[in-house]
Amino acid sequence: MSHKLRSELTLSLPFYQDKLHEETVFRRFTEILAKARANKGAGKPETELKEFEAILTEHQAKGLEEQALEADVLKKTQAAKRRAARRPKAAEQVEPRERPKRAGTAGASRRRVVESDEDE
């Protein structure tokens, strides 16, 4: 891999690393890697290319894992919302109870007794 290509890929990778789980983006980077392998000299080591490939694969796996976690969280959130929608509201759940009427007090009004501190 030429020094120029390596530095360009290394500099641009942070902009794409969170997109490497997308098949098209990953495929484009592997195409660049394949072209770099085809154009490298016979006597040059492939160490840098293998390192770059490992970095690509690592970011792809991380992105796929994050995407799966996001999908799981979304699924659980939607399920919780559905359960909450089926559950009656707290105010609707408790029905008001009528107080039993006491015997002999039905229809009678209560008298209020007011005591005074003054002596009469």
Protein backbone atom coordinates (compact mmCIF):
# COMPACT_ATOMS: atom_id res chain seq x y z
CA MET A 1 0.00 0.00 0.00
CA SER A 2 1.46 3.33 -0.94
CA HIS A 3 2.13 5.81 1.80
CA LYS A 4 -0.34 8.27 0.20
CA LEU A 5 -3.15 5.71 -0.02
CA ARG A 6 -2.51 4.46 3.50
CA SER A 7 -2.61 7.96 4.96
CA GLU A 8 -5.80 8.81 3.02
CA LEU A 9 -7.55 5.66 4.20
CA THR A 10 -6.32 6.15 7.75
CA LEU A 11 -7.52 9.75 7.78
CA SER A 12 -10.91 8.96 6.26
CA LEU A 13 -11.64 5.88 8.37
CA PRO A 14 -12.96 7.83 11.40
CA PHE A 15 -15.63 9.35 9.15
CA TYR A 16 -16.78 5.91 8.01
CA GLN A 17 -16.11 3.61 10.95
CA ASP A 18 -19.66 3.90 12.28
CA LYS A 19 -20.99 3.04 8.80
CA LEU A 20 -18.85 -0.03 8.12
CA HIS A 21 -21.68 -2.33 9.24
CA GLU A 22 -23.53 -1.24 6.10
CA GLU A 23 -22.79 -3.75 3.38
CA THR A 24 -22.16 -1.21 0.61
CA VAL A 25 -19.69 0.87 2.62
CA PHE A 26 -17.78 -2.20 3.78
CA ARG A 27 -17.70 -3.57 0.23
CA ARG A 28 -16.20 -0.32 -1.09
CA PHE A 29 -13.42 -0.41 1.49
CA THR A 30 -12.63 -4.05 0.71
CA GLU A 31 -12.49 -3.14 -2.99
CA ILE A 32 -9.95 -0.43 -2.18
CA LEU A 33 -8.01 -2.98 -0.13
CA ALA A 34 -8.07 -5.49 -3.02
CA LYS A 35 -6.78 -2.84 -5.43
CA ALA A 36 -4.02 -1.93 -3.01
CA ARG A 37 -3.02 -5.60 -2.79
CA ALA A 38 -3.01 -5.92 -6.58
CA ASN A 39 -0.88 -2.81 -7.02
CA LYS A 40 1.67 -3.47 -4.30
CA GLY A 41 5.15 -4.49 -5.28
CA ALA A 42 6.18 -8.13 -5.07
CA GLY A 43 8.85 -7.46 -2.47
CA LYS A 44 6.71 -5.28 -0.20
CA PRO A 45 5.28 -6.82 2.97
CA GLU A 46 1.54 -7.17 3.35
CA THR A 47 1.61 -6.28 7.04
CA GLU A 48 -0.03 -2.86 6.62
CA LEU A 49 -2.76 -4.26 4.42
CA LYS A 50 -3.53 -6.99 6.95
CA GLU A 51 -3.63 -4.42 9.76
CA PHE A 52 -6.00 -2.22 7.80
CA GLU A 53 -8.19 -5.22 6.95
CA ALA A 54 -8.30 -6.20 10.63
CA ILE A 55 -9.34 -2.64 11.56
CA LEU A 56 -12.10 -2.69 8.93
CA THR A 57 -13.38 -6.05 10.13
CA GLU A 58 -13.28 -4.94 13.77
CA HIS A 59 -15.28 -1.78 13.05
CA GLN A 60 -17.76 -3.74 10.95
CA ALA A 61 -18.34 -6.26 13.76
CA LYS A 62 -18.72 -3.47 16.32
CA GLY A 63 -21.25 -1.68 14.09
CA LEU A 64 -23.26 -4.86 13.54
CA GLU A 65 -23.32 -5.50 17.29
CA GLU A 66 -24.48 -1.94 18.01
CA GLN A 67 -27.14 -2.20 15.33
CA ALA A 68 -28.43 -5.45 16.87
CA LEU A 69 -28.54 -3.84 20.32
CA GLU A 70 -30.45 -0.84 18.98
CA ALA A 71 -32.96 -3.14 17.29
CA ASP A 72 -33.39 -5.10 20.54
CA VAL A 73 -33.94 -1.91 22.57
CA LEU A 74 -36.46 -0.64 20.01
CA LYS A 75 -38.31 -3.96 20.07
CA LYS A 76 -38.49 -3.97 23.88
CA THR A 77 -39.60 -0.32 23.99
CA GLN A 78 -42.40 -0.97 21.52
CA ALA A 79 -43.51 -4.04 23.49
CA ALA A 80 -43.58 -2.00 26.72
CA LYS A 81 -45.66 0.70 25.02
CA ARG A 82 -48.13 -1.92 23.78
CA ARG A 83 -48.43 -3.40 27.27
CA ALA A 84 -48.95 0.05 28.78
CA ALA A 85 -51.66 0.85 26.23
CA ARG A 86 -53.56 -2.34 27.09
CA ARG A 87 -53.38 -1.66 30.83
CA PRO A 88 -56.24 0.44 32.25
CA LYS A 89 -55.27 3.78 33.71
CA ALA A 90 -54.82 3.89 37.49
CA ALA A 91 -57.86 6.17 37.91
CA GLU A 92 -60.05 3.87 35.81
CA GLN A 93 -58.80 0.79 37.57
CA VAL A 94 -60.11 1.74 41.02
CA GLU A 95 -63.86 1.98 41.10
CA PRO A 96 -65.30 4.35 43.69
CA ARG A 97 -66.94 2.49 46.54
CA GLU A 98 -70.12 3.65 48.10
CA ARG A 99 -70.08 4.05 51.84
CA PRO A 100 -72.67 1.96 53.60
CA LYS A 101 -75.39 4.06 55.19
CA ARG A 102 -75.77 3.84 58.92
CA ALA A 103 -79.05 2.65 60.28
CA GLY A 104 -81.26 5.44 61.61
CA THR A 105 -79.33 8.24 59.95
CA ALA A 106 -80.81 7.95 56.52
CA GLY A 107 -82.25 11.30 55.51
CA ALA A 108 -81.49 12.93 58.85
CA SER A 109 -79.37 16.00 58.83
CA ARG A 110 -76.48 16.35 61.20
CA ARG A 111 -76.65 18.96 63.87
CA ARG A 112 -73.69 21.01 64.62
CA VAL A 113 -73.02 21.74 68.25
CA VAL A 114 -71.04 24.85 68.98
CA GLU A 115 -69.69 25.33 72.42
CA SER A 116 -68.92 28.71 73.76
CA ASP A 117 -66.33 29.72 76.28
CA GLU A 118 -68.65 32.38 77.69
CA ASP A 119 -70.68 31.62 80.76
CA GLU A 120 -74.35 32.27 80.33
